[in-house]
């Protein structure tokens, strides 16, 4: 078992490939380790109390330590919470259960909705990035004006409604 370098390009690529968090967003999050004391404290605790079990190849759920008060203390800090969310999203089901049950019920609800929000964000991002890929713009122009401009506007307005921050849980 080895704990990866969470600040490395390799780990950032892993996060980007398996979550909605992009590589640069992950690297920006990790850059806060240089200046944020609470995030530094969290990472020291994470690396000593959780990471050795989180990164174990053969997980035996019964052998996972009780960390239920550890995460609760750090959950209110934004950088620690974002780190927990992304590592939660990367985890297998046994590890997810271990992390999830270590939080109190209010934090479990927040983590649950963060995870749902991230999945919705991924779907919205995919739509926004790819919806025009099957359309040949040259065939859909009249006097060099794209016919799909109003459709584009409508799609982004709909995505914006879906993304309405008032509907998301407080982070």
Protein backbone atom coordinates (compact mmCIF):
# COMPACT_ATOMS: atom_id res chain seq x y z
CA UNK A 1 0.00 0.00 0.00
CA UNK A 2 1.33 3.39 -0.91
CA UNK A 3 -0.34 6.74 -0.46
CA UNK A 4 -0.27 8.66 -3.74
CA UNK A 5 0.96 12.20 -4.07
CA UNK A 6 -2.39 13.99 -4.18
CA UNK A 7 -0.70 17.07 -5.68
CA UNK A 8 0.74 15.16 -8.64
CA UNK A 9 -0.39 15.46 -12.26
CA UNK A 10 -1.01 11.70 -12.25
CA UNK A 11 -3.47 11.89 -9.35
CA UNK A 12 -5.09 15.01 -10.86
CA UNK A 13 -5.64 13.04 -14.08
CA UNK A 14 -7.23 10.20 -12.07
CA UNK A 15 -9.62 12.62 -10.36
CA UNK A 16 -10.46 14.27 -13.68
CA UNK A 17 -11.15 10.93 -15.37
CA UNK A 18 -13.47 9.62 -12.64
CA UNK A 19 -15.23 12.71 -11.27
CA UNK A 20 -16.62 15.96 -12.62
CA UNK A 21 -13.73 17.82 -11.00
CA UNK A 22 -11.30 18.78 -13.73
CA UNK A 23 -7.56 18.31 -13.50
CA UNK A 24 -6.89 22.03 -13.04
CA UNK A 25 -9.64 22.37 -10.43
CA UNK A 26 -8.06 19.52 -8.45
CA UNK A 27 -4.60 21.07 -8.70
CA UNK A 28 -6.02 24.45 -7.57
CA UNK A 29 -7.66 22.74 -4.60
CA UNK A 30 -4.40 21.10 -3.66
CA UNK A 31 -2.53 24.41 -4.02
CA UNK A 32 -4.39 25.59 -0.92
CA UNK A 33 -2.16 23.25 1.07
CA UNK A 34 0.54 25.90 0.78
CA UNK A 35 -1.43 28.55 2.68
CA UNK A 36 -4.48 27.13 4.46
CA UNK A 37 -3.63 25.90 7.98
CA UNK A 38 -6.87 23.97 8.50
CA UNK A 39 -6.42 22.15 5.18
CA UNK A 40 -2.84 21.33 6.13
CA UNK A 41 -4.05 19.90 9.46
CA UNK A 42 -6.73 17.91 7.71
CA UNK A 43 -4.24 16.45 5.23
CA UNK A 44 -1.89 15.43 8.04
CA UNK A 45 -4.78 13.65 9.76
CA UNK A 46 -6.01 12.17 6.47
CA UNK A 47 -2.58 10.80 5.59
CA UNK A 48 -2.09 9.25 9.03
CA UNK A 49 -5.61 8.05 9.93
CA UNK A 50 -7.49 7.38 6.68
CA UNK A 51 -5.20 7.14 3.64
CA UNK A 52 -3.44 3.91 4.76
CA UNK A 53 -6.83 2.17 4.78
CA UNK A 54 -8.37 4.09 1.88
CA UNK A 55 -5.55 3.03 -0.46
CA UNK A 56 -5.32 -0.58 0.72
CA UNK A 57 -5.76 -3.04 -2.13
CA UNK A 58 -7.77 -5.67 -0.27
CA UNK A 59 -10.27 -3.96 1.99
CA UNK A 60 -11.80 -5.91 4.84
CA UNK A 61 -14.67 -3.75 6.05
CA UNK A 62 -14.52 -5.17 9.58
CA UNK A 63 -10.88 -4.07 9.88
CA UNK A 64 -11.49 -0.43 8.98
CA UNK A 65 -10.91 1.83 11.98
CA UNK A 66 -13.61 3.96 13.54
CA UNK A 67 -13.10 7.47 12.19
CA UNK A 68 -16.57 8.84 12.87
CA UNK A 69 -15.52 11.92 14.84
CA UNK A 70 -12.43 12.62 12.78
CA UNK A 71 -14.15 13.66 9.53
CA UNK A 72 -16.92 15.58 11.27
CA UNK A 73 -14.35 18.03 12.67
CA UNK A 74 -12.95 18.80 9.22
CA UNK A 75 -16.18 18.69 7.23
CA UNK A 76 -17.01 22.38 7.68
CA UNK A 77 -13.75 23.52 6.07
CA UNK A 78 -14.32 24.04 2.35
CA UNK A 79 -11.04 22.60 1.07
CA UNK A 80 -11.24 19.56 3.31
CA UNK A 81 -14.88 19.00 2.33
CA UNK A 82 -14.04 19.20 -1.37
CA UNK A 83 -11.19 16.75 -0.86
CA UNK A 84 -13.50 14.35 1.02
CA UNK A 85 -16.11 14.60 -1.77
CA UNK A 86 -13.62 13.79 -4.54
CA UNK A 87 -11.98 10.92 -2.66
CA UNK A 88 -15.45 9.64 -1.78
CA UNK A 89 -16.33 9.67 -5.49
CA UNK A 90 -13.17 7.73 -6.35
CA UNK A 91 -13.72 5.07 -3.68
CA UNK A 92 -15.11 1.57 -3.98
CA UNK A 93 -18.38 0.75 -2.21
CA UNK A 94 -16.78 -0.52 1.02
CA UNK A 95 -14.73 2.66 1.38
CA UNK A 96 -17.72 4.84 0.48
CA UNK A 97 -19.75 3.17 3.22
CA UNK A 98 -16.90 3.65 5.71
CA UNK A 99 -16.55 7.36 4.89
CA UNK A 100 -20.29 7.99 4.69
CA UNK A 101 -21.07 6.35 8.02
CA UNK A 102 -18.30 8.29 9.74
CA UNK A 103 -20.28 11.51 9.24
CA UNK A 104 -23.24 12.65 11.31
CA UNK A 105 -26.67 12.54 9.66
CA UNK A 106 -26.64 16.20 8.57
CA UNK A 107 -23.23 15.80 6.93
CA UNK A 108 -24.31 12.51 5.34
CA UNK A 109 -27.18 14.38 3.71
CA UNK A 110 -24.88 17.15 2.48
CA UNK A 111 -22.36 14.64 1.08
CA UNK A 112 -25.17 12.69 -0.58
CA UNK A 113 -26.49 15.83 -2.33
CA UNK A 114 -22.98 17.01 -3.25
CA UNK A 115 -22.45 13.66 -4.95
CA UNK A 116 -25.78 14.01 -6.81
CA UNK A 117 -24.93 17.60 -7.78
CA UNK A 118 -21.56 16.49 -9.15
CA UNK A 119 -23.20 13.79 -11.26
CA UNK A 120 -25.74 16.31 -12.59
CA UNK A 121 -22.92 18.79 -13.29
CA UNK A 122 -21.09 16.11 -15.25
CA UNK A 123 -24.17 15.44 -17.38
CA UNK A 124 -24.77 19.15 -17.95
CA UNK A 125 -21.12 19.69 -18.83
CA UNK A 126 -21.23 16.84 -21.33
CA UNK A 127 -24.34 18.28 -22.98
CA UNK A 128 -22.86 21.77 -23.13
CA UNK A 129 -19.59 20.51 -24.58
CA UNK A 130 -20.94 17.98 -27.08
CA UNK A 131 -24.44 18.79 -28.26
CA UNK A 132 -23.24 20.35 -31.51
CA UNK A 133 -20.74 17.64 -32.36
CA UNK A 134 -23.09 15.73 -34.69
CA UNK A 135 -24.30 18.85 -36.52
CA UNK A 136 -22.58 20.03 -39.67
CA UNK A 137 -22.58 23.83 -39.29
CA UNK A 138 -22.03 24.43 -42.98
CA UNK A 139 -25.37 22.80 -43.81
CA UNK A 140 -27.23 24.80 -41.19
CA UNK A 141 -26.48 28.35 -42.29
CA UNK A 142 -28.48 30.89 -44.20
CA UNK A 143 -26.38 33.78 -45.45
CA UNK A 144 -23.65 32.74 -42.98
CA UNK A 145 -26.04 32.94 -40.01
CA UNK A 146 -26.17 29.68 -38.06
CA UNK A 147 -29.71 28.34 -37.78
CA UNK A 148 -28.96 26.65 -34.49
CA UNK A 149 -28.14 29.90 -32.59
CA UNK A 150 -31.57 30.06 -30.99
CA UNK A 151 -31.40 26.35 -30.14
CA UNK A 152 -27.99 26.95 -28.56
CA UNK A 153 -29.45 29.79 -26.50
CA UNK A 154 -32.40 27.63 -25.43
CA UNK A 155 -30.17 24.71 -24.43
CA UNK A 156 -27.95 26.90 -22.28
CA UNK A 157 -30.97 28.61 -20.71
CA UNK A 158 -32.35 25.17 -19.80
CA UNK A 159 -29.00 24.03 -18.42
CA UNK A 160 -28.89 27.26 -16.40
CA UNK A 161 -32.31 26.50 -14.91
CA UNK A 162 -31.16 23.00 -13.99
CA UNK A 163 -28.05 24.53 -12.41
CA UNK A 164 -30.03 27.03 -10.37
CA UNK A 165 -27.97 27.50 -7.23
CA UNK A 166 -31.11 27.92 -5.14
CA UNK A 167 -31.86 24.26 -5.81
CA UNK A 168 -28.46 23.03 -4.69
CA UNK A 169 -27.63 22.17 -1.12
CA UNK A 170 -25.50 24.56 0.89
CA UNK A 171 -21.91 23.47 0.57
